[in-house]
Amino acid sequence: MKTEFDVVIVGMGPVGAAAAMFLSHEGLKVAVVEKSADVYELPRAVALDGEVIRAFQKLGLGHKLASVVQQVRPGERAGFANSAREWLFGQQLVSFGRNGWAPTSMFDQPELERFIRDELLATTDCQVFLAEEVLEFSQTDESVKVVTDKRSLTADWMIACDGAASPVRKSLGIGWQDLGYDHEWLVIDVTLNEGVELQPETLQICSPDRLATYVGTKDPFRRWEFKLRDGETREQMLDDRLIEDLISPWLSPGQYELRRKAVYQFHAATAEQWRTGRVFLAGDAAHQTPPFLGQGLNAGMRDVINLSWKLGLVHRDMCAPALLDSYEAERLPHAQDLVEWAVTLGQLMEHLAETERAVRAGEPEPELPQQKQASGYGQGREAPPLREGVIVREQVSNTGSTGYLFCQPVVSDNRGIAFRLDERMGAGFSLIRKEGATPLNEDSLTVLKKLGINQVSMEGLTVDQGRIDPLFERGSVALVRPDRYVFGHDDNDLNPDALIASLAAKLHLR
């Protein structure tokens, strides 16, 4: 059956819009259906990882996106505080990290969504259907049919980016795996009046009286989150006088305009499966997390970054559809690890609050397990690697490179021209290899040609900012995926030709 589109995306929040961007740049014909007529005007997510900016860099939009987010401000930090807002521990924010951009940047979601939508419409032929609601969908072994209140669409694949309440997920009968956090919090967003300054920091305030979070979001905005106590109602918490009282340690009423007030259920869960036939779940439709790590939107972006290059290979008939099984295999455990980390961070807040309560009462302080301490900002826990899927899983460790993002420094060539390393690596797969290394066999050269793998070395380059990946320092032969995760490298058990053969097998290369 000939379909109208290669992919139909349901939902055009930032994750759905980004999915349309990445897939369009992979050469797929894409349609997006969004039930709202315009961007939702109130803020939700506020933190963007450098990994996401790096993905947009591949589309030529890295600097543009970096100009939309907040630049790291002097003294900006993230950490934990006691009830008096006295600093306990944490870390300073930096303006450059392993991905070649700031590790974390604050942003305003309505502005970010408009940026992605505008670039999507300006740079691709993606068809966008706003103010349309999906009524039903069906699928066969060959295609998906999507029926909206205005039209019918057919596609090879469908991606549901339709939020935590995802009608698509519910229609598929996919349930949630609960990960042990379910609490109501009041969220307050304000706009600072002109001339009013407030420290740009993220503070987890571990008070025995009430847990709270303060976030120095993109200027001139600020956010607070307050956990509801037992017996408190949504109606009570949304009273403007109570809100004034809660944020009075920071601001008086004449210093700000209230932008949003809402009570949310902070929930930790992942969907039990992320794919049924030709339909995929992504973003909040696939996972929910407490906001303490700022990873909800970033996890959704990782979903569509991961899925887009794989759909591109299958669409071009370079790889068998079995490659798409690696989407859930890679993304579900990775997202679940980060959700569980956020839950542990919430438990750390509870522990620190209980410690202060014990000190007040003259009681022994409760023992702090190392796992909880490590979950705090800058306290040792790192972002997890990919452990399954299109990687050499035998090489994955907490200290290696396989399964992790490849480092991107700023480098200069022998003419003194500076650029980020990905610009030399290209948009697809990269083979990290010293010039003059042992020649590859014919089978390897065939795979390199078929996949358009770009060979990269550091010959003639100097590092200006950041660091080179340890794989370069070891002189290893390594393969880096289009999403910049390291597939694997040569070692005592895997020579370069065997490494390339392993990639071909994992990709189900035709």
Protein backbone atom coordinates (compact mmCIF):
# COMPACT_ATOMS: atom_id res chain seq x y z
CA MET A 1 0.00 0.00 0.00
CA LYS A 2 1.32 3.43 -0.94
CA THR A 3 1.06 5.80 2.02
CA GLU A 4 0.78 9.59 1.98
CA PHE A 5 3.48 10.05 4.62
CA ASP A 6 6.43 8.19 6.01
CA VAL A 7 5.61 9.27 9.57
CA VAL A 8 2.62 10.89 11.27
CA ILE A 9 3.39 12.53 14.62
CA VAL A 10 0.55 13.05 17.09
CA GLY A 11 1.23 16.08 19.28
CA MET A 12 3.31 19.17 18.56
CA GLY A 13 4.77 20.16 21.86
CA PRO A 14 8.56 20.61 21.85
CA VAL A 15 9.18 16.86 21.56
CA GLY A 16 6.73 16.37 18.69
CA ALA A 17 8.05 19.43 16.85
CA ALA A 18 11.65 18.26 17.35
CA ALA A 19 10.72 14.80 16.07
CA ALA A 20 9.32 16.41 12.92
CA MET A 21 12.54 18.41 12.49
CA PHE A 22 14.88 15.45 12.90
CA LEU A 23 12.82 13.12 10.71
CA SER A 24 12.41 15.72 7.96
CA HIS A 25 16.16 16.22 7.90
CA GLU A 26 16.52 12.43 7.57
CA GLY A 27 14.58 12.75 4.32
CA LEU A 28 11.24 11.42 5.52
CA LYS A 29 7.89 12.89 4.54
CA VAL A 30 6.31 13.94 7.84
CA ALA A 31 2.91 15.15 9.03
CA VAL A 32 2.12 16.48 12.50
CA VAL A 33 -1.35 16.62 14.02
CA GLU A 34 -1.85 18.96 17.01
CA LYS A 35 -5.18 19.54 18.72
CA SER A 36 -4.31 23.09 19.87
CA ALA A 37 -4.32 26.04 17.49
CA ASP A 38 -1.18 27.65 18.90
CA VAL A 39 1.70 27.20 21.32
CA TYR A 40 0.64 26.79 24.96
CA GLU A 41 1.51 30.15 26.49
CA LEU A 42 2.44 29.09 30.03
CA PRO A 43 5.84 27.70 31.06
CA ARG A 44 6.37 24.08 32.01
CA ALA A 45 9.84 22.63 31.37
CA VAL A 46 12.69 25.08 32.09
CA ALA A 47 16.05 23.27 31.64
CA LEU A 48 17.70 22.11 28.41
CA ASP A 49 20.72 19.81 28.24
CA GLY A 50 23.73 20.49 26.05
CA GLU A 51 23.08 17.11 24.42
CA VAL A 52 19.88 18.54 22.91
CA ILE A 53 21.58 21.68 21.60
CA ARG A 54 24.20 19.37 20.09
CA ALA A 55 21.49 17.47 18.21
CA PHE A 56 20.19 20.73 16.74
CA GLN A 57 23.78 21.66 15.88
CA LYS A 58 23.73 18.77 13.40
CA LEU A 59 20.85 20.56 11.64
CA GLY A 60 22.84 23.80 11.52
CA LEU A 61 20.80 25.29 14.37
CA GLY A 62 23.12 24.97 17.36
CA HIS A 63 24.04 28.64 17.64
CA LYS A 64 20.47 29.75 16.96
CA LEU A 65 19.11 27.52 19.71
CA ALA A 66 21.90 28.61 22.07
CA SER A 67 20.75 32.21 21.54
CA VAL A 68 17.21 31.26 22.60
CA VAL A 69 18.23 29.74 25.94
CA GLN A 70 19.66 31.62 28.92
CA GLN A 71 23.43 31.90 29.00
CA VAL A 72 24.98 30.69 32.26
CA ARG A 73 25.05 33.65 34.63
CA PRO A 74 27.84 34.66 37.05
CA GLY A 75 27.59 32.65 40.26
CA GLU A 76 24.83 30.38 38.94
CA ARG A 77 24.66 27.14 40.87
CA ALA A 78 22.42 24.21 41.80
CA GLY A 79 22.28 22.62 45.22
CA PHE A 80 20.58 21.88 48.50
CA ALA A 81 19.76 24.23 51.35
CA ASN A 82 18.27 24.08 54.84
CA SER A 83 15.10 25.81 56.01
CA ALA A 84 16.97 29.12 56.32
CA ARG A 85 18.07 28.74 52.66
CA GLU A 86 21.68 28.28 53.78
CA TRP A 87 23.75 26.34 51.25
CA LEU A 88 24.50 22.73 52.18
CA PHE A 89 26.15 21.30 49.05
CA GLY A 90 25.84 21.32 45.26
CA GLN A 91 27.73 22.52 42.22
CA GLN A 92 28.48 25.59 40.16
CA LEU A 93 27.02 25.71 36.66
CA VAL A 94 29.54 25.94 33.82
CA SER A 95 29.17 27.37 30.33
CA PHE A 96 30.88 24.51 28.45
CA GLY A 97 30.61 20.74 28.89
CA ARG A 98 31.40 17.43 27.18
CA ASN A 99 28.78 18.02 24.48
CA GLY A 100 30.36 21.29 23.33
CA TRP A 101 27.65 23.47 24.89
CA ALA A 102 26.59 24.41 28.42
CA PRO A 103 25.56 21.19 30.24
CA THR A 104 22.35 22.88 31.42
CA SER A 105 20.66 26.01 30.10
CA MET A 106 17.46 27.64 31.34
CA PHE A 107 14.78 28.47 28.78
CA ASP A 108 11.19 29.62 28.47
CA GLN A 109 9.05 26.86 26.96
CA PRO A 110 6.66 28.98 24.87
CA GLU A 111 9.67 30.72 23.29
CA LEU A 112 11.45 27.40 22.68
CA GLU A 113 8.37 25.86 21.09
CA ARG A 114 7.95 28.81 18.75
CA PHE A 115 11.60 28.59 17.76
CA ILE A 116 11.34 24.90 16.84
CA ARG A 117 8.03 25.39 15.01
CA ASP A 118 9.32 28.37 13.05
CA GLU A 119 12.46 26.50 11.99
CA LEU A 120 10.41 23.44 11.10
CA LEU A 121 8.15 25.43 8.79
CA ALA A 122 11.03 27.45 7.32
CA THR A 123 13.47 24.62 6.63
CA THR A 124 11.38 21.51 5.88
CA ASP A 125 8.35 20.45 3.86
CA CYS A 126 6.67 18.90 6.91
CA GLN A 127 2.89 19.29 6.83
CA VAL A 128 1.40 20.64 10.06
CA PHE A 129 -2.28 20.27 10.92
CA LEU A 130 -3.15 22.52 13.87
CA ALA A 131 -6.48 22.60 15.73
CA GLU A 132 -7.13 19.00 14.71
CA GLU A 133 -7.81 16.16 17.09
CA VAL A 134 -7.04 12.52 16.42
CA LEU A 135 -10.26 10.56 16.77
CA GLU A 136 -8.91 7.09 16.07
CA PHE A 137 -6.11 5.18 14.42
CA SER A 138 -5.57 1.68 13.14
CA GLN A 139 -2.62 -0.26 11.80
CA THR A 140 -1.81 -3.20 9.59
CA ASP A 141 1.48 -4.97 8.97
CA GLU A 142 2.22 -2.35 6.30
CA SER A 143 0.83 1.01 7.43
CA VAL A 144 -0.98 3.18 9.96
CA LYS A 145 -4.22 5.07 9.32
CA VAL A 146 -4.92 8.17 11.42
CA VAL A 147 -8.38 9.73 11.43
CA THR A 148 -8.76 13.30 12.73
CA ASP A 149 -11.87 15.43 13.00
CA LYS A 150 -10.97 16.92 9.59
CA ARG A 151 -9.17 14.30 7.50
CA SER A 152 -7.66 10.83 7.22
CA LEU A 153 -3.92 10.26 6.89
CA THR A 154 -1.91 7.16 6.08
CA ALA A 155 1.73 6.60 7.01
CA ASP A 156 4.35 3.92 7.39
CA TRP A 157 4.85 4.80 11.05
CA MET A 158 3.25 6.87 13.81
CA ILE A 159 4.88 8.51 16.83
CA ALA A 160 2.72 9.50 19.79
CA CYS A 161 4.06 12.67 21.41
CA ASP A 162 0.66 13.44 22.91
CA GLY A 163 1.61 13.91 26.55
CA ALA A 164 1.29 12.12 29.87
CA ALA A 165 -2.44 11.52 29.36
CA SER A 166 -1.68 10.14 25.86
CA PRO A 167 -4.90 8.98 24.18
CA VAL A 168 -2.73 6.92 21.82
CA ARG A 169 -1.08 5.03 24.68
CA LYS A 170 -4.48 4.40 26.27
CA SER A 171 -5.90 3.16 22.96
CA LEU A 172 -3.02 0.70 22.71
CA GLY A 173 -3.79 -0.57 26.22
CA ILE A 174 -0.29 0.21 27.48
CA GLY A 175 -0.06 0.74 31.24
CA TRP A 176 2.44 2.42 33.53
CA GLN A 177 5.20 0.92 35.64
CA ASP A 178 5.08 2.95 38.85
CA LEU A 179 8.52 3.98 40.13
CA GLY A 180 7.57 5.08 43.61
CA TYR A 181 6.87 8.81 43.73
CA ASP A 182 3.39 10.35 43.75
CA HIS A 183 2.96 13.70 45.54
CA GLU A 184 1.13 16.97 44.93
CA TRP A 185 3.19 20.16 44.59
CA LEU A 186 2.20 23.78 44.03
CA VAL A 187 4.08 25.36 41.10
CA ILE A 188 4.38 29.15 40.90
CA ASP A 189 5.89 31.09 37.99
CA VAL A 190 6.46 34.84 38.16
CA THR A 191 7.87 37.62 35.99
CA LEU A 192 10.26 39.90 37.86
CA ASN A 193 9.44 43.58 37.56
CA GLU A 194 12.02 45.79 35.87
CA GLY A 195 15.01 46.46 38.10
CA VAL A 196 14.28 43.54 40.45
CA GLU A 197 17.11 41.03 40.76
CA LEU A 198 16.96 37.58 42.28
CA GLN A 199 19.82 35.10 42.53
CA PRO A 200 19.99 32.81 39.46
CA GLU A 201 20.29 29.45 41.17
CA THR A 202 18.40 26.22 41.70
CA LEU A 203 17.84 25.43 45.37
CA GLN A 204 16.22 22.33 46.84
CA ILE A 205 15.08 23.69 50.19
CA CYS A 206 14.97 20.80 52.64
CA SER A 207 12.84 22.26 55.41
CA PRO A 208 11.03 20.00 57.88
CA ASP A 209 8.16 22.49 57.70
CA ARG A 210 7.70 22.13 53.92
CA LEU A 211 9.91 20.91 51.08
CA ALA A 212 10.37 23.55 48.39
CA THR A 213 12.32 24.25 45.22
CA TYR A 214 13.45 27.62 43.89
CA VAL A 215 14.56 27.82 40.24
CA GLY A 216 16.27 30.82 38.68
CA THR A 217 14.73 30.24 35.25
CA LYS A 218 15.43 32.33 32.17
CA ASP A 219 15.45 36.06 32.94
CA PRO A 220 13.14 37.76 33.85
CA PHE A 221 11.25 34.68 35.08
CA ARG A 222 11.50 32.70 38.32
CA ARG A 223 9.82 29.54 39.64
CA TRP A 224 8.93 28.01 43.00
CA GLU A 225 7.57 24.58 43.84
CA PHE A 226 6.10 23.76 47.26
CA LYS A 227 5.10 20.30 48.42
CA LEU A 228 1.57 20.04 49.80
CA ARG A 229 1.27 18.91 53.41
CA ASP A 230 -1.17 16.22 54.45
CA GLY A 231 -4.68 17.61 54.50
CA GLU A 232 -3.97 20.64 52.30
CA THR A 233 -6.21 21.05 49.26
CA ARG A 234 -5.58 22.44 45.80
CA GLU A 235 -8.03 25.26 46.49
CA GLN A 236 -6.14 26.33 49.60
CA MET A 237 -2.79 26.30 47.83
CA LEU A 238 -4.00 28.41 44.91
CA ASP A 239 -5.07 31.28 47.18
CA ASP A 240 -3.08 34.39 46.19
CA ARG A 241 -2.51 35.40 49.80
CA LEU A 242 -0.91 32.05 50.59
CA ILE A 243 1.24 32.32 47.47
CA GLU A 244 2.42 35.78 48.55
CA ASP A 245 3.32 34.33 51.94
CA LEU A 246 5.20 31.35 50.48
CA ILE A 247 7.47 33.44 48.25
CA SER A 248 7.81 36.36 50.70
CA PRO A 249 11.34 35.25 51.78
CA TRP A 250 12.41 36.15 48.23
CA LEU A 251 10.03 38.84 46.96
CA SER A 252 7.42 41.32 48.11
CA PRO A 253 4.15 41.63 46.10
CA GLY A 254 5.22 44.79 44.26
CA GLN A 255 8.31 43.14 42.80
CA TYR A 256 6.70 40.61 40.47
CA GLU A 257 3.71 39.66 38.34
CA LEU A 258 2.19 36.24 38.84
CA ARG A 259 2.50 34.28 35.61
CA ARG A 260 1.15 30.86 36.57
CA LYS A 261 -0.11 28.97 39.59
CA ALA A 262 -1.05 25.31 39.47
CA VAL A 263 -1.04 22.19 41.62
CA TYR A 264 0.54 19.20 39.91
CA GLN A 265 0.88 15.55 40.77
CA PHE A 266 4.61 14.84 40.57
CA HIS A 267 4.71 11.25 39.40
CA ALA A 268 7.43 8.71 38.56
CA ALA A 269 6.60 6.09 35.95
CA THR A 270 7.58 4.61 32.60
CA ALA A 271 5.25 3.07 30.04
CA GLU A 272 5.35 -0.73 30.12
CA GLN A 273 6.21 -0.80 26.42
CA TRP A 274 7.16 1.93 23.96
CA ARG A 275 6.15 0.34 20.69
CA THR A 276 3.19 -1.60 19.35
CA GLY A 277 3.68 -2.58 15.72
CA ARG A 278 4.13 0.62 13.73
CA VAL A 279 3.26 2.97 16.59
CA PHE A 280 5.90 4.41 18.94
CA LEU A 281 5.54 6.35 22.19
CA ALA A 282 7.87 9.28 22.94
CA GLY A 283 8.17 12.05 25.51
CA ASP A 284 5.65 12.26 28.34
CA ALA A 285 3.55 9.59 26.63
CA ALA A 286 6.39 7.18 27.51
CA HIS A 287 7.71 8.46 30.84
CA GLN A 288 6.90 10.77 33.74
CA THR A 289 9.39 12.11 36.26
CA PRO A 290 9.50 14.42 39.25
CA PRO A 291 11.18 17.65 38.09
CA PHE A 292 14.11 17.61 40.53
CA LEU A 293 16.70 16.72 37.85
CA GLY A 294 15.16 18.81 35.07
CA GLN A 295 15.10 15.75 32.81
CA GLY A 296 11.47 15.39 31.68
CA LEU A 297 11.74 17.32 28.42
CA ASN A 298 15.35 16.27 27.86
CA ALA A 299 14.39 12.60 28.08
CA GLY A 300 11.69 13.21 25.48
CA MET A 301 14.21 14.88 23.20
CA ARG A 302 16.52 11.89 23.58
CA ASP A 303 13.64 9.64 22.54
CA VAL A 304 13.14 11.34 19.19
CA ILE A 305 16.86 11.91 18.58
CA ASN A 306 17.32 8.15 19.02
CA LEU A 307 14.35 7.12 16.91
CA SER A 308 14.84 9.54 14.02
CA TRP A 309 18.16 8.28 12.67
CA LYS A 310 16.98 4.68 12.93
CA LEU A 311 13.76 5.41 11.06
CA GLY A 312 15.90 7.19 8.47
CA LEU A 313 18.00 4.07 7.86
CA VAL A 314 14.93 1.84 7.63
CA HIS A 315 13.15 4.30 5.35
CA ARG A 316 16.13 4.34 2.97
CA ASP A 317 16.02 0.51 2.99
CA MET A 318 19.57 0.38 4.30
CA CYS A 319 18.54 -1.53 7.42
CA ALA A 320 15.81 -4.04 8.21
CA PRO A 321 12.87 -2.87 10.38
CA ALA A 322 14.26 -5.06 13.19
CA LEU A 323 16.61 -2.13 13.90
CA LEU A 324 13.62 -0.28 15.36
CA ASP A 325 13.40 -2.81 18.19
CA SER A 326 16.49 -1.12 19.61
CA TYR A 327 14.49 2.07 20.33
CA GLU A 328 12.74 0.65 23.38
CA ALA A 329 15.74 -1.50 24.31
CA GLU A 330 17.92 1.61 24.55
CA ARG A 331 15.57 4.34 25.66
CA LEU A 332 13.34 2.66 28.26
CA PRO A 333 16.10 1.63 30.72
CA HIS A 334 17.97 4.91 30.17
CA ALA A 335 14.86 6.99 30.90
CA GLN A 336 13.93 4.76 33.83
CA ASP A 337 17.38 5.22 35.35
CA LEU A 338 16.96 9.00 35.25
CA VAL A 339 13.44 8.84 36.69
CA GLU A 340 14.72 6.66 39.53
CA TRP A 341 17.56 9.14 40.07
CA ALA A 342 15.03 11.97 40.39
CA VAL A 343 13.06 9.88 42.91
CA THR A 344 16.24 9.28 44.93
CA LEU A 345 16.97 13.00 44.82
CA GLY A 346 13.49 13.62 46.23
CA GLN A 347 14.26 11.12 48.97
CA LEU A 348 17.49 12.99 49.70
CA MET A 349 15.45 16.16 50.22
CA GLU A 350 13.21 14.28 52.66
CA HIS A 351 16.26 12.92 54.49
CA LEU A 352 17.89 16.34 54.86
CA ALA A 353 14.61 17.76 56.15
CA GLU A 354 14.35 14.93 58.69
CA THR A 355 17.95 15.58 59.75
CA GLU A 356 17.14 19.22 60.49
CA ARG A 357 14.03 18.16 62.40
CA ALA A 358 16.11 15.75 64.50
CA VAL A 359 18.68 18.45 65.27
CA ARG A 360 15.93 20.82 66.36
CA ALA A 361 14.52 18.14 68.67
CA GLY A 362 17.91 17.16 70.07
CA GLU A 363 17.61 13.67 68.59
CA PRO A 364 20.30 11.60 66.83
CA GLU A 365 20.66 12.46 63.15
CA PRO A 366 19.48 9.71 60.77
CA GLU A 367 22.23 7.98 58.80
CA LEU A 368 22.56 9.15 55.19
CA PRO A 369 23.03 6.23 52.75
CA GLN A 370 25.79 6.85 50.21
CA GLN A 371 23.42 6.19 47.30
CA LYS A 372 21.18 9.07 48.39
CA GLN A 373 24.12 11.42 48.97
CA ALA A 374 25.51 10.61 45.51
CA SER A 375 22.20 11.54 43.89
CA GLY A 376 22.67 15.22 44.79
CA TYR A 377 23.95 17.71 42.24
CA GLY A 378 27.69 17.26 41.73
CA GLN A 379 27.92 14.50 44.34
CA GLY A 380 29.22 11.71 42.12
CA ARG A 381 26.32 10.17 40.24
CA GLU A 382 26.63 10.56 36.48
CA ALA A 383 24.23 10.25 33.56
CA PRO A 384 23.78 6.57 32.68
CA PRO A 385 25.15 4.92 29.53
CA LEU A 386 23.18 2.94 26.99
CA ARG A 387 23.45 -0.69 28.06
CA GLU A 388 21.51 -2.49 25.31
CA GLY A 389 20.77 -2.06 21.63
CA VAL A 390 23.15 -0.79 18.96
CA ILE A 391 26.29 -0.85 21.09
CA VAL A 392 29.02 -3.33 22.02
CA ARG A 393 27.40 -4.06 25.36
CA GLU A 394 30.32 -6.14 26.63
CA GLN A 395 32.37 -2.91 26.70
CA VAL A 396 29.88 -0.84 28.72
CA SER A 397 31.18 0.18 32.14
CA ASN A 398 30.97 3.15 34.47
CA THR A 399 34.45 4.27 33.43
CA GLY A 400 34.54 3.50 29.70
CA SER A 401 33.39 5.30 26.56
CA THR A 402 31.08 2.76 24.93
CA GLY A 403 27.43 3.64 25.46
CA TYR A 404 28.25 7.23 26.40
CA LEU A 405 28.16 10.41 24.35
CA PHE A 406 31.39 11.12 22.50
CA CYS A 407 33.11 14.27 23.78
CA GLN A 408 32.86 17.35 21.59
CA PRO A 409 35.58 19.96 22.19
CA VAL A 410 36.14 23.16 20.25
CA VAL A 411 39.21 22.57 18.08
CA SER A 412 41.36 24.54 15.64
CA ASP A 413 42.91 23.28 12.43
CA ASN A 414 46.40 24.14 11.18
CA ARG A 415 45.01 27.32 9.60
CA GLY A 416 43.79 28.52 12.99
CA ILE A 417 40.10 28.07 12.14
CA ALA A 418 38.10 27.04 15.22
CA PHE A 419 35.04 24.79 15.14
CA ARG A 420 33.22 22.19 17.19
CA LEU A 421 34.43 18.67 16.48
CA ASP A 422 31.06 17.37 15.26
CA GLU A 423 31.45 19.64 12.24
CA ARG A 424 34.31 17.42 11.09
CA MET A 425 32.47 14.22 12.02
CA GLY A 426 29.49 14.93 9.77
CA ALA A 427 25.85 14.00 10.27
CA GLY A 428 26.08 10.20 10.18
CA PHE A 429 28.33 7.51 11.59
CA SER A 430 31.98 8.31 12.31
CA LEU A 431 35.01 6.05 12.42
CA ILE A 432 37.62 7.38 14.84
CA ARG A 433 40.95 6.21 13.47
CA LYS A 434 44.51 7.43 13.25
CA GLU A 435 45.83 8.27 9.82
CA GLY A 436 48.11 5.52 8.56
CA ALA A 437 46.46 2.83 10.71
CA THR A 438 46.33 -0.79 9.52
CA PRO A 439 44.12 -1.01 6.41
CA LEU A 440 40.61 -2.39 6.79
CA ASN A 441 39.46 -5.46 4.89
CA GLU A 442 37.10 -5.37 1.92
CA ASP A 443 34.01 -6.24 3.96
CA SER A 444 34.70 -3.33 6.29
CA LEU A 445 35.23 -0.93 3.41
CA THR A 446 31.91 -2.05 1.92
CA VAL A 447 30.11 -1.28 5.21
CA LEU A 448 31.82 2.12 5.42
CA LYS A 449 30.73 2.98 1.90
CA LYS A 450 27.16 1.71 2.33
CA LEU A 451 26.60 3.70 5.55
CA GLY A 452 28.61 6.72 4.42
CA ILE A 453 30.80 6.44 7.51
CA ASN A 454 33.11 9.43 7.86
CA GLN A 455 36.67 8.68 9.01
CA VAL A 456 37.89 11.17 11.63
CA SER A 457 41.23 11.75 13.30
CA MET A 458 42.73 14.49 15.43
CA GLU A 459 45.65 14.91 13.04
CA GLY A 460 46.31 18.62 12.53
CA LEU A 461 43.79 19.68 15.21
CA THR A 462 44.42 21.36 18.56
CA VAL A 463 41.90 21.56 21.40
CA ASP A 464 40.85 25.11 22.28
CA GLN A 465 38.05 24.37 24.74
CA GLY A 466 36.84 21.21 26.43
CA ARG A 467 38.65 17.90 26.13
CA ILE A 468 39.11 15.21 23.54
CA ASP A 469 37.46 11.88 24.14
CA PRO A 470 39.69 9.29 25.87
CA LEU A 471 39.29 7.13 22.76
CA PHE A 472 41.48 9.61 20.86
CA GLU A 473 44.04 9.60 23.65
CA ARG A 474 44.28 5.80 23.57
CA GLY A 475 44.63 5.77 19.81
CA SER A 476 41.67 3.42 19.57
CA VAL A 477 39.64 2.66 16.50
CA ALA A 478 36.08 3.53 17.48
CA LEU A 479 32.65 3.92 15.92
CA VAL A 480 30.35 6.81 16.85
CA ARG A 481 26.65 6.76 15.97
CA PRO A 482 24.71 9.61 14.34
CA ASP A 483 23.35 10.58 17.78
CA ARG A 484 26.99 10.81 18.98
CA TYR A 485 26.81 7.80 21.29
CA VAL A 486 29.88 5.56 21.09
CA PHE A 487 28.96 2.21 19.51
CA GLY A 488 32.23 0.59 20.56
CA HIS A 489 35.98 0.46 20.03
CA ASP A 490 38.65 -2.08 19.27
CA ASP A 491 40.13 -4.06 22.16
CA ASN A 492 41.83 -7.42 22.79
CA ASP A 493 38.63 -9.26 21.85
CA LEU A 494 37.55 -7.08 18.94
CA ASN A 495 39.80 -5.92 16.10
CA PRO A 496 38.71 -3.01 13.86
CA ASP A 497 37.23 -5.25 11.17
CA ALA A 498 35.27 -7.24 13.75
CA LEU A 499 34.05 -3.96 15.27
CA ILE A 500 32.66 -2.82 11.92
CA ALA A 501 31.10 -6.24 11.30
CA SER A 502 29.44 -6.02 14.71
CA LEU A 503 27.95 -2.63 13.80
CA ALA A 504 26.54 -4.04 10.56
CA ALA A 505 24.94 -6.92 12.45
CA LYS A 506 23.46 -4.74 15.20
CA LEU A 507 22.00 -2.39 12.57
CA HIS A 508 20.50 -5.31 10.60
CA LEU A 509 22.27 -3.80 7.61
CA ARG A 510 20.85 -5.02 4.31
